[in-house]
PDB file of all heavy atoms in Angstrom:
ATOM      1  N   GLY A   1     -18.829 -13.901 -15.628  1.00  0.00           N
ATOM      2  CA  GLY A   1     -19.583 -13.668 -16.721  1.00  0.00           C
ATOM      3  C   GLY A   1     -20.122 -12.335 -16.988  1.00  0.00           C
ATOM      4  O   GLY A   1     -19.669 -11.362 -16.303  1.00  0.00           O
ATOM      5  N   THR A   2     -21.158 -12.028 -17.715  1.00  0.00           N
ATOM      6  CA  THR A   2     -21.602 -10.739 -17.855  1.00  0.00           C
ATOM      7  C   THR A   2     -23.028 -10.706 -18.352  1.00  0.00           C
ATOM      8  O   THR A   2     -23.642 -11.721 -18.611  1.00  0.00           O
ATOM      9  CB  THR A   2     -20.827 -10.000 -19.050  1.00  0.00           C
ATOM     10  OG1 THR A   2     -21.102  -8.638 -19.039  1.00  0.00           O
ATOM     11  CG2 THR A   2     -21.020 -10.561 -20.399  1.00  0.00           C
ATOM     12  N   VAL A   3     -23.676  -9.563 -18.366  1.00  0.00           N
ATOM     13  CA  VAL A   3     -25.077  -9.504 -18.763  1.00  0.00           C
ATOM     14  C   VAL A   3     -25.240  -9.284 -20.247  1.00  0.00           C
ATOM     15  O   VAL A   3     -24.557  -8.449 -20.817  1.00  0.00           O
ATOM     16  CB  VAL A   3     -25.865  -8.255 -18.070  1.00  0.00           C
ATOM     17  CG1 VAL A   3     -27.323  -8.206 -18.541  1.00  0.00           C
ATOM     18  CG2 VAL A   3     -25.791  -8.468 -16.565  1.00  0.00           C
ATOM     19  N   SER A   4     -25.942 -10.096 -21.041  1.00  0.00           N
ATOM     20  CA  SER A   4     -26.082  -9.948 -22.490  1.00  0.00           C
ATOM     21  C   SER A   4     -26.747  -8.726 -22.798  1.00  0.00           C
ATOM     22  O   SER A   4     -27.900  -8.500 -22.233  1.00  0.00           O
ATOM     23  CB  SER A   4     -26.824 -11.197 -23.075  1.00  0.00           C
ATOM     24  OG  SER A   4     -27.170 -10.864 -24.350  1.00  0.00           O
ATOM     25  N   PRO A   5     -26.223  -7.888 -23.647  1.00  0.00           N
ATOM     26  CA  PRO A   5     -26.937  -6.647 -24.080  1.00  0.00           C
ATOM     27  C   PRO A   5     -28.287  -6.992 -24.829  1.00  0.00           C
ATOM     28  O   PRO A   5     -29.202  -6.245 -24.917  1.00  0.00           O
ATOM     29  CB  PRO A   5     -26.024  -5.912 -24.973  1.00  0.00           C
ATOM     30  CG  PRO A   5     -24.650  -6.488 -24.604  1.00  0.00           C
ATOM     31  CD  PRO A   5     -24.894  -7.885 -24.262  1.00  0.00           C
ATOM     32  N   ARG A   6     -28.205  -8.117 -25.547  1.00  0.00           N
ATOM     33  CA  ARG A   6     -29.332  -8.564 -26.224  1.00  0.00           C
ATOM     34  C   ARG A   6     -30.538  -9.055 -25.442  1.00  0.00           C
ATOM     35  O   ARG A   6     -31.663  -8.806 -25.670  1.00  0.00           O
ATOM     36  CB  ARG A   6     -28.963  -9.630 -27.302  1.00  0.00           C
ATOM     37  CG  ARG A   6     -29.959  -9.992 -28.286  1.00  0.00           C
ATOM     38  CD  ARG A   6     -29.405 -10.968 -29.377  1.00  0.00           C
ATOM     39  NE  ARG A   6     -29.011 -12.218 -28.752  1.00  0.00           N
ATOM     40  CZ  ARG A   6     -29.696 -13.280 -28.346  1.00  0.00           C
ATOM     41  NH1 ARG A   6     -31.126 -13.283 -28.723  1.00  0.00           N
ATOM     42  NH2 ARG A   6     -29.238 -14.314 -27.911  1.00  0.00           N
ATOM     43  N   THR A   7     -30.308 -10.041 -24.533  1.00  0.00           N
ATOM     44  CA  THR A   7     -31.311 -10.545 -23.762  1.00  0.00           C
ATOM     45  C   THR A   7     -31.541 -10.131 -22.322  1.00  0.00           C
ATOM     46  O   THR A   7     -32.579 -10.352 -21.678  1.00  0.00           O
ATOM     47  CB  THR A   7     -31.092 -12.141 -23.772  1.00  0.00           C
ATOM     48  OG1 THR A   7     -29.991 -12.361 -22.910  1.00  0.00           O
ATOM     49  CG2 THR A   7     -30.862 -12.639 -25.056  1.00  0.00           C
ATOM     50  N   GLY A   8     -30.549  -9.458 -21.790  1.00  0.00           N
ATOM     51  CA  GLY A   8     -30.621  -9.118 -20.315  1.00  0.00           C
ATOM     52  C   GLY A   8     -30.283 -10.192 -19.410  1.00  0.00           C
ATOM     53  O   GLY A   8     -30.375 -10.128 -18.320  1.00  0.00           O
ATOM     54  N   LEU A   9     -29.896 -11.444 -19.926  1.00  0.00           N
ATOM     55  CA  LEU A   9     -29.648 -12.571 -19.135  1.00  0.00           C
ATOM     56  C   LEU A   9     -28.090 -12.762 -19.033  1.00  0.00           C
ATOM     57  O   LEU A   9     -27.286 -12.240 -19.701  1.00  0.00           O
ATOM     58  CB  LEU A   9     -30.150 -13.871 -19.812  1.00  0.00           C
ATOM     59  CG  LEU A   9     -31.623 -13.852 -20.155  1.00  0.00           C
ATOM     60  CD1 LEU A   9     -32.109 -15.212 -20.842  1.00  0.00           C
ATOM     61  CD2 LEU A   9     -32.483 -13.563 -18.794  1.00  0.00           C
ATOM     62  N   MET A  10     -27.652 -13.445 -17.886  1.00  0.00           N
ATOM     63  CA  MET A  10     -26.287 -13.713 -17.675  1.00  0.00           C
ATOM     64  C   MET A  10     -25.689 -14.705 -18.738  1.00  0.00           C
ATOM     65  O   MET A  10     -26.446 -15.585 -19.215  1.00  0.00           O
ATOM     66  CB  MET A  10     -26.029 -14.315 -16.349  1.00  0.00           C
ATOM     67  CG  MET A  10     -26.220 -13.353 -15.151  1.00  0.00           C
ATOM     68  SD  MET A  10     -25.053 -12.056 -15.082  1.00  0.00           S
ATOM     69  CE  MET A  10     -23.439 -12.882 -14.877  1.00  0.00           C
ATOM     70  N   LYS A  11     -24.476 -14.548 -19.153  1.00  0.00           N
ATOM     71  CA  LYS A  11     -23.794 -15.359 -20.089  1.00  0.00           C
ATOM     72  C   LYS A  11     -22.283 -15.428 -19.708  1.00  0.00           C
ATOM     73  O   LYS A  11     -21.779 -14.626 -18.993  1.00  0.00           O
ATOM     74  CB  LYS A  11     -23.835 -14.839 -21.471  1.00  0.00           C
ATOM     75  CG  LYS A  11     -23.143 -13.563 -21.802  1.00  0.00           C
ATOM     76  CD  LYS A  11     -23.298 -13.087 -23.268  1.00  0.00           C
ATOM     77  CE  LYS A  11     -22.523 -11.799 -23.522  1.00  0.00           C
ATOM     78  NZ  LYS A  11     -22.566 -11.447 -24.876  1.00  0.00           N
ATOM     79  N   ASN A  12     -21.738 -16.467 -20.173  1.00  0.00           N
ATOM     80  CA  ASN A  12     -20.231 -16.645 -19.968  1.00  0.00           C
ATOM     81  C   ASN A  12     -19.748 -16.916 -18.585  1.00  0.00           C
ATOM     82  O   ASN A  12     -18.541 -16.686 -18.350  1.00  0.00           O
ATOM     83  CB  ASN A  12     -19.420 -15.594 -20.693  1.00  0.00           C
ATOM     84  CG  ASN A  12     -19.821 -15.451 -22.132  1.00  0.00           C
ATOM     85  OD1 ASN A  12     -20.244 -16.380 -22.844  1.00  0.00           O
ATOM     86  ND2 ASN A  12     -19.466 -14.268 -22.788  1.00  0.00           N
ATOM     87  N   ALA A  13     -20.593 -17.190 -17.620  1.00  0.00           N
ATOM     88  CA  ALA A  13     -20.211 -17.480 -16.216  1.00  0.00           C
ATOM     89  C   ALA A  13     -19.664 -18.770 -16.038  1.00  0.00           C
ATOM     90  O   ALA A  13     -20.364 -19.719 -16.415  1.00  0.00           O
ATOM     91  CB  ALA A  13     -21.270 -17.058 -15.236  1.00  0.00           C
ATOM     92  N   ASN A  14     -18.525 -18.905 -15.501  1.00  0.00           N
ATOM     93  CA  ASN A  14     -18.030 -20.206 -15.160  1.00  0.00           C
ATOM     94  C   ASN A  14     -18.747 -20.920 -13.933  1.00  0.00           C
ATOM     95  O   ASN A  14     -18.756 -22.031 -13.676  1.00  0.00           O
ATOM     96  CB  ASN A  14     -16.503 -20.286 -14.876  1.00  0.00           C
ATOM     97  CG  ASN A  14     -16.162 -19.421 -13.677  1.00  0.00           C
ATOM     98  OD1 ASN A  14     -16.760 -18.505 -13.227  1.00  0.00           O
ATOM     99  ND2 ASN A  14     -14.864 -19.667 -13.152  1.00  0.00           N
ATOM    100  N   SER A  15     -19.489 -19.963 -13.148  1.00  0.00           N
ATOM    101  CA  SER A  15     -20.449 -20.435 -12.253  1.00  0.00           C
ATOM    102  C   SER A  15     -21.766 -20.650 -13.026  1.00  0.00           C
ATOM    103  O   SER A  15     -22.637 -19.748 -13.097  1.00  0.00           O
ATOM    104  CB  SER A  15     -20.660 -19.455 -11.148  1.00  0.00           C
ATOM    105  OG  SER A  15     -19.484 -19.180 -10.359  1.00  0.00           O
ATOM    106  N   VAL A  16     -21.873 -21.887 -13.618  1.00  0.00           N
ATOM    107  CA  VAL A  16     -22.881 -22.073 -14.736  1.00  0.00           C
ATOM    108  C   VAL A  16     -24.290 -21.843 -14.264  1.00  0.00           C
ATOM    109  O   VAL A  16     -25.192 -21.605 -15.043  1.00  0.00           O
ATOM    110  CB  VAL A  16     -22.576 -23.338 -15.443  1.00  0.00           C
ATOM    111  CG1 VAL A  16     -21.275 -23.295 -16.165  1.00  0.00           C
ATOM    112  CG2 VAL A  16     -22.648 -24.441 -14.511  1.00  0.00           C
ATOM    113  N   VAL A  17     -24.443 -21.975 -12.960  1.00  0.00           N
ATOM    114  CA  VAL A  17     -25.927 -21.775 -12.476  1.00  0.00           C
ATOM    115  C   VAL A  17     -26.464 -20.342 -12.770  1.00  0.00           C
ATOM    116  O   VAL A  17     -27.652 -20.106 -12.799  1.00  0.00           O
ATOM    117  CB  VAL A  17     -25.957 -22.083 -10.956  1.00  0.00           C
ATOM    118  CG1 VAL A  17     -25.221 -21.016 -10.149  1.00  0.00           C
ATOM    119  CG2 VAL A  17     -27.387 -22.263 -10.488  1.00  0.00           C
ATOM    120  N   LEU A  18     -25.546 -19.411 -13.039  1.00  0.00           N
ATOM    121  CA  LEU A  18     -25.911 -18.065 -13.342  1.00  0.00           C
ATOM    122  C   LEU A  18     -26.374 -17.816 -14.772  1.00  0.00           C
ATOM    123  O   LEU A  18     -27.127 -16.920 -15.145  1.00  0.00           O
ATOM    124  CB  LEU A  18     -24.826 -17.095 -12.859  1.00  0.00           C
ATOM    125  CG  LEU A  18     -24.271 -17.059 -11.471  1.00  0.00           C
ATOM    126  CD1 LEU A  18     -23.129 -16.029 -11.423  1.00  0.00           C
ATOM    127  CD2 LEU A  18     -25.476 -16.701 -10.486  1.00  0.00           C
ATOM    128  N   ASN A  19     -25.813 -18.629 -15.748  1.00  0.00           N
ATOM    129  CA  ASN A  19     -26.091 -18.525 -17.045  1.00  0.00           C
ATOM    130  C   ASN A  19     -27.583 -18.586 -17.385  1.00  0.00           C
ATOM    131  O   ASN A  19     -28.159 -19.536 -16.920  1.00  0.00           O
ATOM    132  CB  ASN A  19     -25.216 -19.363 -17.944  1.00  0.00           C
ATOM    133  CG  ASN A  19     -23.681 -19.089 -17.859  1.00  0.00           C
ATOM    134  OD1 ASN A  19     -23.374 -17.994 -17.685  1.00  0.00           O
ATOM    135  ND2 ASN A  19     -22.869 -20.124 -17.875  1.00  0.00           N
ATOM    136  N   ASP A  20     -27.993 -17.791 -18.328  1.00  0.00           N
ATOM    137  CA  ASP A  20     -29.403 -17.726 -18.851  1.00  0.00           C
ATOM    138  C   ASP A  20     -30.372 -17.271 -17.792  1.00  0.00           C
ATOM    139  O   ASP A  20     -31.519 -17.602 -17.950  1.00  0.00           O
ATOM    140  CB  ASP A  20     -29.637 -19.094 -19.545  1.00  0.00           C
ATOM    141  CG  ASP A  20     -28.819 -19.349 -20.670  1.00  0.00           C
ATOM    142  OD1 ASP A  20     -28.567 -18.569 -21.512  1.00  0.00           O
ATOM    143  OD2 ASP A  20     -28.382 -20.638 -20.819  1.00  0.00           O
ATOM    144  N   ARG A  21     -29.883 -16.588 -16.797  1.00  0.00           N
ATOM    145  CA  ARG A  21     -30.725 -16.183 -15.641  1.00  0.00           C
ATOM    146  C   ARG A  21     -30.709 -14.686 -15.737  1.00  0.00           C
ATOM    147  O   ARG A  21     -29.786 -14.039 -15.961  1.00  0.00           O
ATOM    148  CB  ARG A  21     -30.226 -16.642 -14.341  1.00  0.00           C
ATOM    149  CG  ARG A  21     -30.167 -18.183 -14.220  1.00  0.00           C
ATOM    150  CD  ARG A  21     -31.450 -18.678 -13.825  1.00  0.00           C
ATOM    151  NE  ARG A  21     -31.382 -20.184 -13.442  1.00  0.00           N
ATOM    152  CZ  ARG A  21     -32.091 -20.740 -12.522  1.00  0.00           C
ATOM    153  NH1 ARG A  21     -33.224 -20.132 -12.057  1.00  0.00           N
ATOM    154  NH2 ARG A  21     -32.019 -22.024 -12.113  1.00  0.00           N
ATOM    155  N   PRO A  22     -31.789 -13.984 -15.315  1.00  0.00           N
ATOM    156  CA  PRO A  22     -31.954 -12.555 -15.260  1.00  0.00           C
ATOM    157  C   PRO A  22     -31.422 -11.977 -13.946  1.00  0.00           C
ATOM    158  O   PRO A  22     -32.197 -11.457 -13.171  1.00  0.00           O
ATOM    159  CB  PRO A  22     -33.350 -12.253 -15.338  1.00  0.00           C
ATOM    160  CG  PRO A  22     -34.040 -13.494 -14.781  1.00  0.00           C
ATOM    161  CD  PRO A  22     -33.188 -14.648 -15.151  1.00  0.00           C
ATOM    162  N   LEU A  23     -30.189 -12.257 -13.695  1.00  0.00           N
ATOM    163  CA  LEU A  23     -29.578 -11.949 -12.349  1.00  0.00           C
ATOM    164  C   LEU A  23     -29.712 -10.472 -12.016  1.00  0.00           C
ATOM    165  O   LEU A  23     -30.161 -10.148 -10.806  1.00  0.00           O
ATOM    166  CB  LEU A  23     -28.125 -12.430 -12.275  1.00  0.00           C
ATOM    167  CG  LEU A  23     -27.408 -12.095 -10.979  1.00  0.00           C
ATOM    168  CD1 LEU A  23     -27.993 -12.871  -9.894  1.00  0.00           C
ATOM    169  CD2 LEU A  23     -25.808 -12.313 -11.158  1.00  0.00           C
ATOM    170  N   LYS A  24     -29.469  -9.582 -12.984  1.00  0.00           N
ATOM    171  CA  LYS A  24     -29.660  -8.121 -12.652  1.00  0.00           C
ATOM    172  C   LYS A  24     -30.956  -7.748 -12.230  1.00  0.00           C
ATOM    173  O   LYS A  24     -31.255  -7.169 -11.228  1.00  0.00           O
ATOM    174  CB  LYS A  24     -29.001  -7.392 -13.629  1.00  0.00           C
ATOM    175  CG  LYS A  24     -29.018  -5.765 -13.434  1.00  0.00           C
ATOM    176  CD  LYS A  24     -28.330  -5.048 -14.686  1.00  0.00           C
ATOM    177  CE  LYS A  24     -28.119  -3.681 -14.211  1.00  0.00           C
ATOM    178  NZ  LYS A  24     -29.417  -2.868 -14.354  1.00  0.00           N
ATOM    179  N   GLY A  25     -31.923  -8.203 -13.037  1.00  0.00           N
ATOM    180  CA  GLY A  25     -33.304  -7.906 -12.914  1.00  0.00           C
ATOM    181  C   GLY A  25     -33.961  -8.602 -11.667  1.00  0.00           C
ATOM    182  O   GLY A  25     -34.634  -7.913 -10.819  1.00  0.00           O
ATOM    183  N   ASP A  26     -33.513  -9.922 -11.253  1.00  0.00           N
ATOM    184  CA  ASP A  26     -34.058 -10.494 -10.096  1.00  0.00           C
ATOM    185  C   ASP A  26     -33.490  -9.737  -8.876  1.00  0.00           C
ATOM    186  O   ASP A  26     -34.259  -9.554  -7.870  1.00  0.00           O
ATOM    187  CB  ASP A  26     -33.506 -11.916 -10.160  1.00  0.00           C
ATOM    188  CG  ASP A  26     -34.425 -12.827 -11.158  1.00  0.00           C
ATOM    189  OD1 ASP A  26     -35.396 -12.271 -11.583  1.00  0.00           O
ATOM    190  OD2 ASP A  26     -33.966 -13.961 -11.316  1.00  0.00           O
ATOM    191  N   LEU A  27     -32.227  -9.423  -8.799  1.00  0.00           N
ATOM    192  CA  LEU A  27     -31.737  -8.621  -7.711  1.00  0.00           C
ATOM    193  C   LEU A  27     -32.246  -7.272  -7.599  1.00  0.00           C
ATOM    194  O   LEU A  27     -32.572  -6.941  -6.315  1.00  0.00           O
ATOM    195  CB  LEU A  27     -30.089  -8.566  -7.785  1.00  0.00           C
ATOM    196  CG  LEU A  27     -29.357  -8.137  -6.562  1.00  0.00           C
ATOM    197  CD1 LEU A  27     -29.748  -9.117  -5.392  1.00  0.00           C
ATOM    198  CD2 LEU A  27     -27.889  -8.026  -6.842  1.00  0.00           C
ATOM    199  N   GLU A  28     -32.479  -6.643  -8.679  1.00  0.00           N
ATOM    200  CA  GLU A  28     -33.167  -5.259  -8.473  1.00  0.00           C
ATOM    201  C   GLU A  28     -34.556  -5.499  -7.899  1.00  0.00           C
ATOM    202  O   GLU A  28     -34.978  -4.616  -7.117  1.00  0.00           O
ATOM    203  CB  GLU A  28     -33.093  -4.600  -9.959  1.00  0.00           C
ATOM    204  CG  GLU A  28     -31.849  -4.051 -10.370  1.00  0.00           C
ATOM    205  CD  GLU A  28     -31.791  -3.524 -11.744  1.00  0.00           C
ATOM    206  OE1 GLU A  28     -32.757  -3.862 -12.586  1.00  0.00           O
ATOM    207  OE2 GLU A  28     -30.936  -2.773 -12.008  1.00  0.00           O
ATOM    208  N   GLN A  29     -35.318  -6.472  -8.344  1.00  0.00           N
ATOM    209  CA  GLN A  29     -36.706  -6.698  -7.793  1.00  0.00           C
ATOM    210  C   GLN A  29     -36.569  -6.990  -6.296  1.00  0.00           C
ATOM    211  O   GLN A  29     -37.415  -6.536  -5.611  1.00  0.00           O
ATOM    212  CB  GLN A  29     -37.328  -7.857  -8.543  1.00  0.00           C
ATOM    213  CG  GLN A  29     -38.726  -8.069  -8.202  1.00  0.00           C
ATOM    214  CD  GLN A  29     -39.352  -9.157  -9.027  1.00  0.00           C
ATOM    215  OE1 GLN A  29     -38.803  -9.982  -9.598  1.00  0.00           O
ATOM    216  NE2 GLN A  29     -40.763  -9.154  -8.972  1.00  0.00           N
ATOM    217  N   ARG A  30     -35.618  -7.730  -6.002  1.00  0.00           N
ATOM    218  CA  ARG A  30     -35.332  -8.126  -4.475  1.00  0.00           C
ATOM    219  C   ARG A  30     -35.067  -6.967  -3.711  1.00  0.00           C
ATOM    220  O   ARG A  30     -35.662  -6.757  -2.611  1.00  0.00           O
ATOM    221  CB  ARG A  30     -34.399  -9.271  -4.406  1.00  0.00           C
ATOM    222  CG  ARG A  30     -34.016  -9.563  -3.073  1.00  0.00           C
ATOM    223  CD  ARG A  30     -35.139 -10.483  -2.318  1.00  0.00           C
ATOM    224  NE  ARG A  30     -34.769 -10.842  -1.138  1.00  0.00           N
ATOM    225  CZ  ARG A  30     -34.243 -12.110  -0.941  1.00  0.00           C
ATOM    226  NH1 ARG A  30     -33.986 -12.909  -1.907  1.00  0.00           N
ATOM    227  NH2 ARG A  30     -33.977 -12.424   0.327  1.00  0.00           N
ATOM    228  N   LEU A  31     -34.298  -6.020  -4.208  1.00  0.00           N
ATOM    229  CA  LEU A  31     -33.775  -4.835  -3.494  1.00  0.00           C
ATOM    230  C   LEU A  31     -34.811  -3.642  -3.575  1.00  0.00           C
ATOM    231  O   LEU A  31     -34.631  -2.755  -2.848  1.00  0.00           O
ATOM    232  CB  LEU A  31     -32.381  -4.525  -3.851  1.00  0.00           C
ATOM    233  CG  LEU A  31     -31.227  -5.473  -3.745  1.00  0.00           C
ATOM    234  CD1 LEU A  31     -29.978  -5.112  -4.229  1.00  0.00           C
ATOM    235  CD2 LEU A  31     -31.181  -5.910  -2.222  1.00  0.00           C
ATOM    236  N   GLY A  32     -35.541  -3.577  -4.671  1.00  0.00           N
ATOM    237  CA  GLY A  32     -36.431  -2.525  -4.859  1.00  0.00           C
ATOM    238  C   GLY A  32     -35.718  -1.273  -5.334  1.00  0.00           C
ATOM    239  O   GLY A  32     -36.169  -0.169  -5.153  1.00  0.00           O
ATOM    240  N   ARG A  33     -34.560  -1.421  -6.172  1.00  0.00           N
ATOM    241  CA  ARG A  33     -33.836  -0.389  -6.617  1.00  0.00           C
ATOM    242  C   ARG A  33     -33.002  -0.848  -7.738  1.00  0.00           C
ATOM    243  O   ARG A  33     -32.698  -2.086  -7.774  1.00  0.00           O
ATOM    244  CB  ARG A  33     -33.063   0.459  -5.573  1.00  0.00           C
ATOM    245  CG  ARG A  33     -31.883  -0.211  -5.037  1.00  0.00           C
ATOM    246  CD  ARG A  33     -31.444   0.154  -3.725  1.00  0.00           C
ATOM    247  NE  ARG A  33     -32.128  -0.619  -2.616  1.00  0.00           N
ATOM    248  CZ  ARG A  33     -31.766  -0.788  -1.436  1.00  0.00           C
ATOM    249  NH1 ARG A  33     -30.682  -0.115  -1.070  1.00  0.00           N
ATOM    250  NH2 ARG A  33     -32.378  -1.526  -0.621  1.00  0.00           N
ATOM    251  N   ARG A  34     -32.436   0.021  -8.510  1.00  0.00           N
ATOM    252  CA  ARG A  34     -31.517  -0.386  -9.683  1.00  0.00           C
ATOM    253  C   ARG A  34     -30.070  -0.690  -9.075  1.00  0.00           C
ATOM    254  O   ARG A  34     -29.602  -0.120  -8.121  1.00  0.00           O
ATOM    255  CB  ARG A  34     -31.404   0.739 -10.690  1.00  0.00           C
ATOM    256  CG  ARG A  34     -32.733   0.923 -11.439  1.00  0.00           C
ATOM    257  CD  ARG A  34     -32.616   1.897 -12.480  1.00  0.00           C
ATOM    258  NE  ARG A  34     -31.615   1.560 -13.466  1.00  0.00           N
ATOM    259  CZ  ARG A  34     -31.996   0.728 -14.513  1.00  0.00           C
ATOM    260  NH1 ARG A  34     -33.229   0.185 -14.575  1.00  0.00           N
ATOM    261  NH2 ARG A  34     -31.027   0.533 -15.360  1.00  0.00           N
TER     262      ARG A  34
END
């Protein structure tokens, strides 16, 4: 899948648990960096 430019949420992932989740933001918060 990919990150939606509109919402910042994951979309189009066949691993559907990722869809509509802020994966990039959540991982950046966890790691403390971009």
